[in-house]
Amino acid sequence: MSDAPAKDKAATDVVVLGPPTSDGGGVHVLRARDEKLETGELRALQEGRPITGEVVTLSPRKDNPRVCDVTDSYRPPALTKGPANVATDAYREGWDEVFGKKKPSSAPPAAN
């Protein structure tokens, strides 16, 4: 019986571990998922440091421990187009206090 995973969606996400990074803090990887190849770096999480990219769990294969099946633990949300929506209700209330609310126009438009 083979140690290869079954042909399902989870089995299509595989990482091959490469050489260490130049600073020695991680390893270069080649990742195959969704019928695409990606290159990247794998680094350990460090308390107090921001997470850049995804958080994954690797399961080394018995026949070749440098080949690992990948399980996503955290994937950052997709970026949206346009500026960030940072205007809260408190911000809008402060805006109205400083600049005043728009007064509704009750007069008809001027004729030329």
PDB file of N, CA and C in Angstrom:
ATOM      1  N   MET A   1       0.844  -1.174   0.000  1.00  0.00           N
ATOM      2  CA  MET A   1       0.000   0.000   0.000  1.00  0.00           C
ATOM      3  C   MET A   1       0.889   1.235   0.000  1.00  0.00           C
ATOM      4  N   SER A   2       0.514   2.254  -0.749  1.00  0.00           N
ATOM      5  CA  SER A   2       1.325   3.458  -0.909  1.00  0.00           C
ATOM      6  C   SER A   2       1.025   4.488   0.175  1.00  0.00           C
ATOM      7  N   ASP A   3       2.039   5.287   0.525  1.00  0.00           N
ATOM      8  CA  ASP A   3       1.849   6.386   1.475  1.00  0.00           C
ATOM      9  C   ASP A   3       1.321   7.632   0.786  1.00  0.00           C
ATOM     10  N   ALA A   4       1.175   7.601  -0.538  1.00  0.00           N
ATOM     11  CA  ALA A   4       0.690   8.773  -1.263  1.00  0.00           C
ATOM     12  C   ALA A   4      -0.753   9.053  -0.869  1.00  0.00           C
ATOM     13  N   PRO A   5      -1.107  10.319  -0.719  1.00  0.00           N
ATOM     14  CA  PRO A   5      -2.463  10.652  -0.324  1.00  0.00           C
ATOM     15  C   PRO A   5      -3.452  10.388  -1.447  1.00  0.00           C
ATOM     16  N   ALA A   6      -4.701  10.238  -1.073  1.00  0.00           N
ATOM     17  CA  ALA A   6      -5.770  10.014  -2.046  1.00  0.00           C
ATOM     18  C   ALA A   6      -5.925  11.248  -2.917  1.00  0.00           C
ATOM     19  N   LYS A   7      -6.478  11.064  -4.113  1.00  0.00           N
ATOM     20  CA  LYS A   7      -6.683  12.171  -5.040  1.00  0.00           C
ATOM     21  C   LYS A   7      -7.914  12.973  -4.635  1.00  0.00           C
ATOM     22  N   ASP A   8      -7.726  13.909  -3.723  1.00  0.00           N
ATOM     23  CA  ASP A   8      -8.807  14.815  -3.338  1.00  0.00           C
ATOM     24  C   ASP A   8      -8.224  16.212  -3.231  1.00  0.00           C
ATOM     25  N   LYS A   9      -9.045  17.198  -2.901  1.00  0.00           N
ATOM     26  CA  LYS A   9      -8.602  18.588  -2.852  1.00  0.00           C
ATOM     27  C   LYS A   9      -7.457  18.782  -1.862  1.00  0.00           C
ATOM     28  N   ALA A  10      -7.510  18.153  -0.701  1.00  0.00           N
ATOM     29  CA  ALA A  10      -6.469  18.321   0.303  1.00  0.00           C
ATOM     30  C   ALA A  10      -5.135  17.758  -0.183  1.00  0.00           C
ATOM     31  N   ALA A  11      -5.173  16.745  -1.030  1.00  0.00           N
ATOM     32  CA  ALA A  11      -3.947  16.102  -1.484  1.00  0.00           C
ATOM     33  C   ALA A  11      -3.239  16.914  -2.560  1.00  0.00           C
ATOM     34  N   THR A  12      -3.861  17.945  -3.103  1.00  0.00           N
ATOM     35  CA  THR A  12      -3.239  18.724  -4.163  1.00  0.00           C
ATOM     36  C   THR A  12      -2.360  19.849  -3.623  1.00  0.00           C
ATOM     37  N   ASP A  13      -2.210  19.974  -2.328  1.00  0.00           N
ATOM     38  CA  ASP A  13      -1.397  21.018  -1.721  1.00  0.00           C
ATOM     39  C   ASP A  13      -0.163  20.375  -1.101  1.00  0.00           C
ATOM     40  N   VAL A  14       0.989  20.524  -1.791  1.00  0.00           N
ATOM     41  CA  VAL A  14       2.216  19.847  -1.389  1.00  0.00           C
ATOM     42  C   VAL A  14       3.362  20.850  -1.410  1.00  0.00           C
ATOM     43  N   VAL A  15       4.293  20.724  -0.443  1.00  0.00           N
ATOM     44  CA  VAL A  15       5.487  21.567  -0.370  1.00  0.00           C
ATOM     45  C   VAL A  15       6.720  20.687  -0.450  1.00  0.00           C
ATOM     46  N   VAL A  16       7.718  21.156  -1.210  1.00  0.00           N
ATOM     47  CA  VAL A  16       9.033  20.526  -1.223  1.00  0.00           C
ATOM     48  C   VAL A  16       9.970  21.491  -0.515  1.00  0.00           C
ATOM     49  N   LEU A  17      10.614  21.028   0.557  1.00  0.00           N
ATOM     50  CA  LEU A  17      11.528  21.856   1.331  1.00  0.00           C
ATOM     51  C   LEU A  17      12.873  21.963   0.619  1.00  0.00           C
ATOM     52  N   GLY A  18      13.372  23.199   0.537  1.00  0.00           N
ATOM     53  CA  GLY A  18      14.640  23.439  -0.138  1.00  0.00           C
ATOM     54  C   GLY A  18      15.722  23.829   0.841  1.00  0.00           C
ATOM     55  N   PRO A  19      16.706  24.610   0.369  1.00  0.00           N
ATOM     56  CA  PRO A  19      17.831  25.008   1.224  1.00  0.00           C
ATOM     57  C   PRO A  19      17.426  26.087   2.214  1.00  0.00           C
ATOM     58  N   PRO A  20      18.255  26.307   3.235  1.00  0.00           N
ATOM     59  CA  PRO A  20      17.968  27.365   4.205  1.00  0.00           C
ATOM     60  C   PRO A  20      18.019  28.750   3.541  1.00  0.00           C
ATOM     61  N   THR A  21      17.300  29.706   4.116  1.00  0.00           N
ATOM     62  CA  THR A  21      17.363  31.086   3.643  1.00  0.00           C
ATOM     63  C   THR A  21      18.725  31.677   3.993  1.00  0.00           C
ATOM     64  N   SER A  22      19.092  32.794   3.360  1.00  0.00           N
ATOM     65  CA  SER A  22      20.422  33.381   3.572  1.00  0.00           C
ATOM     66  C   SER A  22      20.650  33.821   5.017  1.00  0.00           C
ATOM     67  N   ASP A  23      19.565  34.203   5.714  1.00  0.00           N
ATOM     68  CA  ASP A  23      19.730  34.614   7.118  1.00  0.00           C
ATOM     69  C   ASP A  23      19.612  33.446   8.086  1.00  0.00           C
ATOM     70  N   GLY A  24      19.332  32.263   7.574  1.00  0.00           N
ATOM     71  CA  GLY A  24      19.234  31.069   8.413  1.00  0.00           C
ATOM     72  C   GLY A  24      17.941  30.972   9.208  1.00  0.00           C
ATOM     73  N   GLY A  25      17.008  31.894   8.995  1.00  0.00           N
ATOM     74  CA  GLY A  25      15.771  31.913   9.763  1.00  0.00           C
ATOM     75  C   GLY A  25      14.626  31.120   9.167  1.00  0.00           C
ATOM     76  N   GLY A  26      14.857  30.483   8.037  1.00  0.00           N
ATOM     77  CA  GLY A  26      13.789  29.722   7.391  1.00  0.00           C
ATOM     78  C   GLY A  26      14.348  28.840   6.302  1.00  0.00           C
ATOM     79  N   VAL A  27      13.456  28.293   5.481  1.00  0.00           N
ATOM     80  CA  VAL A  27      13.864  27.483   4.333  1.00  0.00           C
ATOM     81  C   VAL A  27      13.082  27.935   3.103  1.00  0.00           C
ATOM     82  N   HIS A  28      13.722  27.802   1.943  1.00  0.00           N
ATOM     83  CA  HIS A  28      13.034  28.057   0.682  1.00  0.00           C
ATOM     84  C   HIS A  28      12.133  26.867   0.385  1.00  0.00           C
ATOM     85  N   VAL A  29      10.977  27.134  -0.217  1.00  0.00           N
ATOM     86  CA  VAL A  29      10.049  26.050  -0.537  1.00  0.00           C
ATOM     87  C   VAL A  29       9.522  26.199  -1.955  1.00  0.00           C
ATOM     88  N   LEU A  30       9.097  25.091  -2.495  1.00  0.00           N
ATOM     89  CA  LEU A  30       8.367  25.028  -3.755  1.00  0.00           C
ATOM     90  C   LEU A  30       7.025  24.403  -3.410  1.00  0.00           C
ATOM     91  N   ARG A  31       5.927  25.118  -3.702  1.00  0.00           N
ATOM     92  CA  ARG A  31       4.595  24.653  -3.312  1.00  0.00           C
ATOM     93  C   ARG A  31       3.746  24.414  -4.542  1.00  0.00           C
ATOM     94  N   ALA A  32       3.098  23.265  -4.585  1.00  0.00           N
ATOM     95  CA  ALA A  32       2.183  22.921  -5.667  1.00  0.00           C
ATOM     96  C   ALA A  32       0.779  22.845  -5.087  1.00  0.00           C
ATOM     97  N   ARG A  33      -0.090  23.752  -5.571  1.00  0.00           N
ATOM     98  CA  ARG A  33      -1.494  23.719  -5.146  1.00  0.00           C
ATOM     99  C   ARG A  33      -2.362  24.317  -6.236  1.00  0.00           C
ATOM    100  N   ASP A  34      -3.576  23.840  -6.309  1.00  0.00           N
ATOM    101  CA  ASP A  34      -4.541  24.324  -7.306  1.00  0.00           C
ATOM    102  C   ASP A  34      -3.936  24.355  -8.710  1.00  0.00           C
ATOM    103  N   GLU A  35      -3.170  23.320  -9.047  1.00  0.00           N
ATOM    104  CA  GLU A  35      -2.546  23.177 -10.355  1.00  0.00           C
ATOM    105  C   GLU A  35      -1.606  24.331 -10.693  1.00  0.00           C
ATOM    106  N   LYS A  36      -0.991  24.948  -9.663  1.00  0.00           N
ATOM    107  CA  LYS A  36      -0.020  26.028  -9.847  1.00  0.00           C
ATOM    108  C   LYS A  36       1.216  25.715  -9.008  1.00  0.00           C
ATOM    109  N   LEU A  37       2.364  26.219  -9.453  1.00  0.00           N
ATOM    110  CA  LEU A  37       3.596  26.120  -8.672  1.00  0.00           C
ATOM    111  C   LEU A  37       3.923  27.496  -8.112  1.00  0.00           C
ATOM    112  N   GLU A  38       4.309  27.537  -6.842  1.00  0.00           N
ATOM    113  CA  GLU A  38       4.665  28.781  -6.175  1.00  0.00           C
ATOM    114  C   GLU A  38       5.991  28.587  -5.458  1.00  0.00           C
ATOM    115  N   THR A  39       6.790  29.660  -5.386  1.00  0.00           N
ATOM    116  CA  THR A  39       8.006  29.618  -4.588  1.00  0.00           C
ATOM    117  C   THR A  39       7.802  30.515  -3.379  1.00  0.00           C
ATOM    118  N   GLY A  40       8.511  30.230  -2.316  1.00  0.00           N
ATOM    119  CA  GLY A  40       8.365  31.056  -1.125  1.00  0.00           C
ATOM    120  C   GLY A  40       9.350  30.657  -0.054  1.00  0.00           C
ATOM    121  N   GLU A  41       9.109  31.196   1.128  1.00  0.00           N
ATOM    122  CA  GLU A  41       9.930  30.879   2.294  1.00  0.00           C
ATOM    123  C   GLU A  41       9.028  30.383   3.407  1.00  0.00           C
ATOM    124  N   LEU A  42       9.547  29.454   4.160  1.00  0.00           N
ATOM    125  CA  LEU A  42       8.841  28.928   5.320  1.00  0.00           C
ATOM    126  C   LEU A  42       9.615  29.369   6.550  1.00  0.00           C
ATOM    127  N   ARG A  43       8.914  30.040   7.477  1.00  0.00           N
ATOM    128  CA  ARG A  43       9.546  30.537   8.700  1.00  0.00           C
ATOM    129  C   ARG A  43       8.669  30.185   9.893  1.00  0.00           C
ATOM    130  N   ALA A  44       9.299  30.032  11.041  1.00  0.00           N
ATOM    131  CA  ALA A  44       8.561  29.740  12.272  1.00  0.00           C
ATOM    132  C   ALA A  44       7.833  31.000  12.744  1.00  0.00           C
ATOM    133  N   LEU A  45       6.679  30.801  13.364  1.00  0.00           N
ATOM    134  CA  LEU A  45       5.979  31.925  13.975  1.00  0.00           C
ATOM    135  C   LEU A  45       6.768  32.396  15.187  1.00  0.00           C
ATOM    136  N   GLN A  46       6.785  33.720  15.406  1.00  0.00           N
ATOM    137  CA  GLN A  46       7.468  34.275  16.565  1.00  0.00           C
ATOM    138  C   GLN A  46       6.502  35.179  17.308  1.00  0.00           C
ATOM    139  N   GLU A  47       6.406  34.982  18.608  1.00  0.00           N
ATOM    140  CA  GLU A  47       5.508  35.784  19.432  1.00  0.00           C
ATOM    141  C   GLU A  47       5.870  37.264  19.325  1.00  0.00           C
ATOM    142  N   GLY A  48       4.852  38.084  19.134  1.00  0.00           N
ATOM    143  CA  GLY A  48       5.047  39.521  19.048  1.00  0.00           C
ATOM    144  C   GLY A  48       5.405  40.028  17.659  1.00  0.00           C
ATOM    145  N   ARG A  49       5.631  39.134  16.705  1.00  0.00           N
ATOM    146  CA  ARG A  49       5.963  39.533  15.341  1.00  0.00           C
ATOM    147  C   ARG A  49       4.736  39.347  14.471  1.00  0.00           C
ATOM    148  N   PRO A  50       4.512  40.241  13.496  1.00  0.00           N
ATOM    149  CA  PRO A  50       3.344  40.110  12.626  1.00  0.00           C
ATOM    150  C   PRO A  50       3.416  38.859  11.758  1.00  0.00           C
ATOM    151  N   ILE A  51       2.257  38.358  11.425  1.00  0.00           N
ATOM    152  CA  ILE A  51       2.165  37.207  10.524  1.00  0.00           C
ATOM    153  C   ILE A  51       2.121  37.761   9.108  1.00  0.00           C
ATOM    154  N   THR A  52       3.064  37.343   8.294  1.00  0.00           N
ATOM    155  CA  THR A  52       3.065  37.754   6.891  1.00  0.00           C
ATOM    156  C   THR A  52       2.814  36.518   6.052  1.00  0.00           C
ATOM    157  N   GLY A  53       1.687  36.468   5.422  1.00  0.00           N
ATOM    158  CA  GLY A  53       1.340  35.308   4.608  1.00  0.00           C
ATOM    159  C   GLY A  53       0.446  34.346   5.355  1.00  0.00           C
ATOM    160  N   GLU A  54       0.569  33.088   4.994  1.00  0.00           N
ATOM    161  CA  GLU A  54      -0.293  32.052   5.537  1.00  0.00           C
ATOM    162  C   GLU A  54       0.379  31.322   6.697  1.00  0.00           C
ATOM    163  N   VAL A  55      -0.442  30.695   7.530  1.00  0.00           N
ATOM    164  CA  VAL A  55       0.054  29.801   8.571  1.00  0.00           C
ATOM    165  C   VAL A  55      -0.370  28.399   8.141  1.00  0.00           C
ATOM    166  N   VAL A  56       0.601  27.505   8.044  1.00  0.00           N
ATOM    167  CA  VAL A  56       0.323  26.153   7.557  1.00  0.00           C
ATOM    168  C   VAL A  56       0.890  25.108   8.508  1.00  0.00           C
ATOM    169  N   THR A  57       0.344  23.913   8.398  1.00  0.00           N
ATOM    170  CA  THR A  57       0.866  22.754   9.109  1.00  0.00           C
ATOM    171  C   THR A  57       1.382  21.788   8.055  1.00  0.00           C
ATOM    172  N   LEU A  58       2.610  21.315   8.232  1.00  0.00           N
ATOM    173  CA  LEU A  58       3.207  20.390   7.271  1.00  0.00           C
ATOM    174  C   LEU A  58       3.226  18.977   7.835  1.00  0.00           C
ATOM    175  N   SER A  59       2.892  18.023   6.988  1.00  0.00           N
ATOM    176  CA  SER A  59       2.945  16.605   7.355  1.00  0.00           C
ATOM    177  C   SER A  59       3.929  15.921   6.411  1.00  0.00           C
ATOM    178  N   PRO A  60       5.152  15.650   6.880  1.00  0.00           N
ATOM    179  CA  PRO A  60       6.151  15.014   6.013  1.00  0.00           C
ATOM    180  C   PRO A  60       5.694  13.630   5.556  1.00  0.00           C
ATOM    181  N   ARG A  61       6.025  13.292   4.336  1.00  0.00           N
ATOM    182  CA  ARG A  61       5.699  11.970   3.806  1.00  0.00           C
ATOM    183  C   ARG A  61       6.749  10.966   4.262  1.00  0.00           C
ATOM    184  N   LYS A  62       6.310   9.753   4.522  1.00  0.00           N
ATOM    185  CA  LYS A  62       7.217   8.725   5.050  1.00  0.00           C
ATOM    186  C   LYS A  62       8.328   8.365   4.074  1.00  0.00           C
ATOM    187  N   ASP A  63       8.009   8.324   2.781  1.00  0.00           N
ATOM    188  CA  ASP A  63       9.009   7.924   1.795  1.00  0.00           C
ATOM    189  C   ASP A  63      10.019   9.035   1.493  1.00  0.00           C
ATOM    190  N   ASN A  64       9.667  10.312   1.735  1.00  0.00           N
ATOM    191  CA  ASN A  64      10.574  11.428   1.494  1.00  0.00           C
ATOM    192  C   ASN A  64      10.180  12.576   2.418  1.00  0.00           C
ATOM    193  N   PRO A  65      10.853  12.749   3.556  1.00  0.00           N
ATOM    194  CA  PRO A  65      10.449  13.755   4.531  1.00  0.00           C
ATOM    195  C   PRO A  65      10.598  15.204   4.057  1.00  0.00           C
ATOM    196  N   ARG A  66      11.297  15.445   2.942  1.00  0.00           N
ATOM    197  CA  ARG A  66      11.397  16.807   2.412  1.00  0.00           C
ATOM    198  C   ARG A  66      10.175  17.178   1.574  1.00  0.00           C
ATOM    199  N   VAL A  67       9.303  16.218   1.325  1.00  0.00           N
ATOM    200  CA  VAL A  67       8.027  16.458   0.640  1.00  0.00           C
ATOM    201  C   VAL A  67       6.944  16.377   1.704  1.00  0.00           C
ATOM    202  N   CYS A  68       6.153  17.458   1.831  1.00  0.00           N
ATOM    203  CA  CYS A  68       5.151  17.544   2.895  1.00  0.00           C
ATOM    204  C   CYS A  68       3.784  17.881   2.341  1.00  0.00           C
ATOM    205  N   ASP A  69       2.779  17.232   2.878  1.00  0.00           N
ATOM    206  CA  ASP A  69       1.399  17.623   2.594  1.00  0.00           C
ATOM    207  C   ASP A  69       1.080  18.832   3.469  1.00  0.00           C
ATOM    208  N   VAL A  70       0.322  19.776   2.916  1.00  0.00           N
ATOM    209  CA  VAL A  70       0.053  21.051   3.584  1.00  0.00           C
ATOM    210  C   VAL A  70      -1.398  21.126   4.029  1.00  0.00           C
ATOM    211  N   THR A  71      -1.590  21.593   5.257  1.00  0.00           N
ATOM    212  CA  THR A  71      -2.925  21.909   5.773  1.00  0.00           C
ATOM    213  C   THR A  71      -2.916  23.381   6.159  1.00  0.00           C
ATOM    214  N   ASP A  72      -3.824  24.164   5.568  1.00  0.00           N
ATOM    215  CA  ASP A  72      -3.918  25.588   5.910  1.00  0.00           C
ATOM    216  C   ASP A  72      -4.485  25.744   7.308  1.00  0.00           C
ATOM    217  N   SER A  73      -3.814  26.533   8.149  1.00  0.00           N
ATOM    218  CA  SER A  73      -4.320  26.854   9.478  1.00  0.00           C
ATOM    219  C   SER A  73      -4.902  28.258   9.502  1.00  0.00           C
ATOM    220  N   TYR A  74      -4.303  29.154   8.720  1.00  0.00           N
ATOM    221  CA  TYR A  74      -4.801  30.535   8.632  1.00  0.00           C
ATOM    222  C   TYR A  74      -4.409  31.099   7.276  1.00  0.00           C
ATOM    223  N   ARG A  75      -5.370  31.698   6.612  1.00  0.00           N
ATOM    224  CA  ARG A  75      -5.117  32.386   5.350  1.00  0.00           C
ATOM    225  C   ARG A  75      -5.640  33.802   5.508  1.00  0.00           C
ATOM    226  N   PRO A  76      -4.808  34.817   5.275  1.00  0.00           N
ATOM    227  CA  PRO A  76      -5.279  36.193   5.454  1.00  0.00           C
ATOM    228  C   PRO A  76      -6.410  36.505   4.491  1.00  0.00           C
ATOM    229  N   PRO A  77      -7.290  37.426   4.877  1.00  0.00           N
ATOM    230  CA  PRO A  77      -8.400  37.763   3.983  1.00  0.00           C
ATOM    231  C   PRO A  77      -7.886  38.370   2.682  1.00  0.00           C
ATOM    232  N   ALA A  78      -8.645  38.176   1.635  1.00  0.00           N
ATOM    233  CA  ALA A  78      -8.269  38.726   0.336  1.00  0.00           C
ATOM    234  C   ALA A  78      -8.331  40.255   0.386  1.00  0.00           C
ATOM    235  N   LEU A  79      -7.416  40.875  -0.335  1.00  0.00           N
ATOM    236  CA  LEU A  79      -7.402  42.330  -0.383  1.00  0.00           C
ATOM    237  C   LEU A  79      -8.588  42.827  -1.206  1.00  0.00           C
ATOM    238  N   THR A  80      -9.146  43.944  -0.785  1.00  0.00           N
ATOM    239  CA  THR A  80     -10.249  44.537  -1.523  1.00  0.00           C
ATOM    240  C   THR A  80      -9.739  45.704  -2.335  1.00  0.00           C
ATOM    241  N   LYS A  81     -10.447  46.071  -3.377  1.00  0.00           N
ATOM    242  CA  LYS A  81     -10.052  47.210  -4.187  1.00  0.00           C
ATOM    243  C   LYS A  81     -10.534  48.486  -3.526  1.00  0.00           C
ATOM    244  N   GLY A  82      -9.767  49.532  -3.664  1.00  0.00           N
ATOM    245  CA  GLY A  82     -10.153  50.827  -3.127  1.00  0.00           C
ATOM    246  C   GLY A  82      -9.573  51.065  -1.750  1.00  0.00           C
ATOM    247  N   PRO A  83      -9.816  52.259  -1.225  1.00  0.00           N
ATOM    248  CA  PRO A  83      -9.255  52.604   0.083  1.00  0.00           C
ATOM    249  C   PRO A  83      -9.942  51.848   1.214  1.00  0.00           C
ATOM    250  N   ALA A  84      -9.261  51.787   2.335  1.00  0.00           N
ATOM    251  CA  ALA A  84      -9.828  51.122   3.505  1.00  0.00           C
ATOM    252  C   ALA A  84     -11.032  51.907   4.006  1.00  0.00           C
ATOM    253  N   ASN A  85     -12.032  51.214   4.512  1.00  0.00           N
ATOM    254  CA  ASN A  85     -13.218  51.855   5.076  1.00  0.00           C
ATOM    255  C   ASN A  85     -12.953  52.071   6.559  1.00  0.00           C
ATOM    256  N   VAL A  86     -12.498  53.287   6.899  1.00  0.00           N
ATOM    257  CA  VAL A  86     -12.109  53.567   8.273  1.00  0.00           C
ATOM    258  C   VAL A  86     -13.054  54.533   8.970  1.00  0.00           C
ATOM    259  N   ALA A  87     -14.090  54.990   8.279  1.00  0.00           N
ATOM    260  CA  ALA A  87     -15.012  55.953   8.871  1.00  0.00           C
ATOM    261  C   ALA A  87     -16.038  55.225   9.742  1.00  0.00           C
ATOM    262  N   THR A  88     -15.883  55.374  11.055  1.00  0.00           N
ATOM    263  CA  THR A  88     -16.820  54.767  11.994  1.00  0.00           C
ATOM    264  C   THR A  88     -17.927  55.765  12.318  1.00  0.00           C
ATOM    265  N   ASP A  89     -18.948  55.319  13.030  1.00  0.00           N
ATOM    266  CA  ASP A  89     -20.023  56.223  13.441  1.00  0.00           C
ATOM    267  C   ASP A  89     -19.473  57.345  14.321  1.00  0.00           C
ATOM    268  N   ALA A  90     -18.535  57.024  15.219  1.00  0.00           N
ATOM    269  CA  ALA A  90     -17.945  58.041  16.092  1.00  0.00           C
ATOM    270  C   ALA A  90     -17.196  59.080  15.254  1.00  0.00           C
ATOM    271  N   TYR A  91     -16.514  58.647  14.214  1.00  0.00           N
ATOM    272  CA  TYR A  91     -15.803  59.569  13.327  1.00  0.00           C
ATOM    273  C   TYR A  91     -16.797  60.499  12.642  1.00  0.00           C
ATOM    274  N   ARG A  92     -17.878  59.932  12.141  1.00  0.00           N
ATOM    275  CA  ARG A  92     -18.875  60.759  11.446  1.00  0.00           C
ATOM    276  C   ARG A  92     -19.539  61.761  12.392  1.00  0.00           C
ATOM    277  N   GLU A  93     -19.807  61.339  13.630  1.00  0.00           N
ATOM    278  CA  GLU A  93     -20.396  62.265  14.600  1.00  0.00           C
ATOM    279  C   GLU A  93     -19.431  63.408  14.890  1.00  0.00           C
ATOM    280  N   GLY A  94     -18.152  63.111  15.010  1.00  0.00           N
ATOM    281  CA  GLY A  94     -17.148  64.146  15.234  1.00  0.00           C
ATOM    282  C   GLY A  94     -17.066  65.091  14.046  1.00  0.00           C
ATOM    283  N   TRP A  95     -17.182  64.559  12.854  1.00  0.00           N
ATOM    284  CA  TRP A  95     -17.160  65.374  11.642  1.00  0.00           C
ATOM    285  C   TRP A  95     -18.309  66.376  11.664  1.00  0.00           C
ATOM    286  N   ASP A  96     -19.487  65.889  12.005  1.00  0.00           N
ATOM    287  CA  ASP A  96     -20.658  66.776  12.049  1.00  0.00           C
ATOM    288  C   ASP A  96     -20.486  67.860  13.106  1.00  0.00           C
ATOM    289  N   GLU A  97     -19.857  67.535  14.238  1.00  0.00           N
ATOM    290  CA  GLU A  97     -19.639  68.535  15.285  1.00  0.00           C
ATOM    291  C   GLU A  97     -18.688  69.626  14.812  1.00  0.00           C
ATOM    292  N   VAL A  98     -17.666  69.248  14.060  1.00  0.00           N
ATOM    293  CA  VAL A  98     -16.672  70.225  13.604  1.00  0.00           C
ATOM    294  C   VAL A  98     -17.187  71.031  12.416  1.00  0.00           C
ATOM    295  N   PHE A  99     -17.745  70.372  11.433  1.00  0.00           N
ATOM    296  CA  PHE A  99     -18.114  71.035  10.188  1.00  0.00           C
ATOM    297  C   PHE A  99     -19.610  71.280  10.039  1.00  0.00           C
ATOM    298  N   GLY A 100     -20.406  70.759  10.943  1.00  0.00           N
ATOM    299  CA  GLY A 100     -21.850  70.927  10.870  1.00  0.00           C
ATOM    300  C   GLY A 100     -22.473  69.984   9.868  1.00  0.00           C
ATOM    301  N   LYS A 101     -23.746  69.730  10.063  1.00  0.00           N
ATOM    302  CA  LYS A 101     -24.465  68.846   9.160  1.00  0.00           C
ATOM    303  C   LYS A 101     -24.892  69.616   7.926  1.00  0.00           C
ATOM    304  N   LYS A 102     -25.046  68.904   6.831  1.00  0.00           N
ATOM    305  CA  LYS A 102     -25.551  69.534   5.621  1.00  0.00           C
ATOM    306  C   LYS A 102     -26.980  69.959   5.861  1.00  0.00           C
ATOM    307  N   LYS A 103     -27.299  71.167   5.425  1.00  0.00           N
ATOM    308  CA  LYS A 103     -28.670  71.644   5.541  1.00  0.00           C
ATOM    309  C   LYS A 103     -29.413  71.265   4.280  1.00  0.00           C
ATOM    310  N   PRO A 104     -30.616  70.699   4.432  1.00  0.00           N
ATOM    311  CA  PRO A 104     -31.366  70.324   3.238  1.00  0.00           C
ATOM    312  C   PRO A 104     -31.759  71.590   2.464  1.00  0.00           C
ATOM    313  N   SER A 105     -31.653  71.506   1.179  1.00  0.00           N
ATOM    314  CA  SER A 105     -32.007  72.608   0.310  1.00  0.00           C
ATOM    315  C   SER A 105     -33.495  72.565   0.037  1.00  0.00           C
ATOM    316  N   SER A 106     -34.222  73.591   0.487  1.00  0.00           N
ATOM    317  CA  SER A 106     -35.667  73.615   0.249  1.00  0.00           C
ATOM    318  C   SER A 106     -36.030  74.567  -0.872  1.00  0.00           C
ATOM    319  N   ALA A 107     -35.109  75.420  -1.285  1.00  0.00           N
ATOM    320  CA  ALA A 107     -35.404  76.360  -2.364  1.00  0.00           C
ATOM    321  C   ALA A 107     -35.214  75.683  -3.697  1.00  0.00           C
ATOM    322  N   PRO A 108     -36.058  76.013  -4.683  1.00  0.00           N
ATOM    323  CA  PRO A 108     -35.902  75.429  -6.023  1.00  0.00           C
ATOM    324  C   PRO A 108     -34.627  75.987  -6.661  1.00  0.00           C
ATOM    325  N   PRO A 109     -34.056  75.262  -7.594  1.00  0.00           N
ATOM    326  CA  PRO A 109     -32.840  75.716  -8.257  1.00  0.00           C
ATOM    327  C   PRO A 109     -33.091  77.047  -8.974  1.00  0.00           C
ATOM    328  N   ALA A 110     -32.064  77.892  -8.998  1.00  0.00           N
ATOM    329  CA  ALA A 110     -32.187  79.205  -9.640  1.00  0.00           C
ATOM    330  C   ALA A 110     -32.309  79.039 -11.133  1.00  0.00           C
ATOM    331  N   ALA A 111     -33.185  79.877 -11.759  1.00  0.00           N
ATOM    332  CA  ALA A 111     -33.367  79.832 -13.206  1.00  0.00           C
ATOM    333  C   ALA A 111     -32.353  80.745 -13.858  1.00  0.00           C
ATOM    334  N   ASN A 112     -31.896  80.370 -15.020  1.00  0.00           N
ATOM    335  CA  ASN A 112     -30.912  81.198 -15.750  1.00  0.00           C
ATOM    336  C   ASN A 112     -31.570  82.169 -16.647  1.00  0.00           C
TER     337      ASN A 112
END
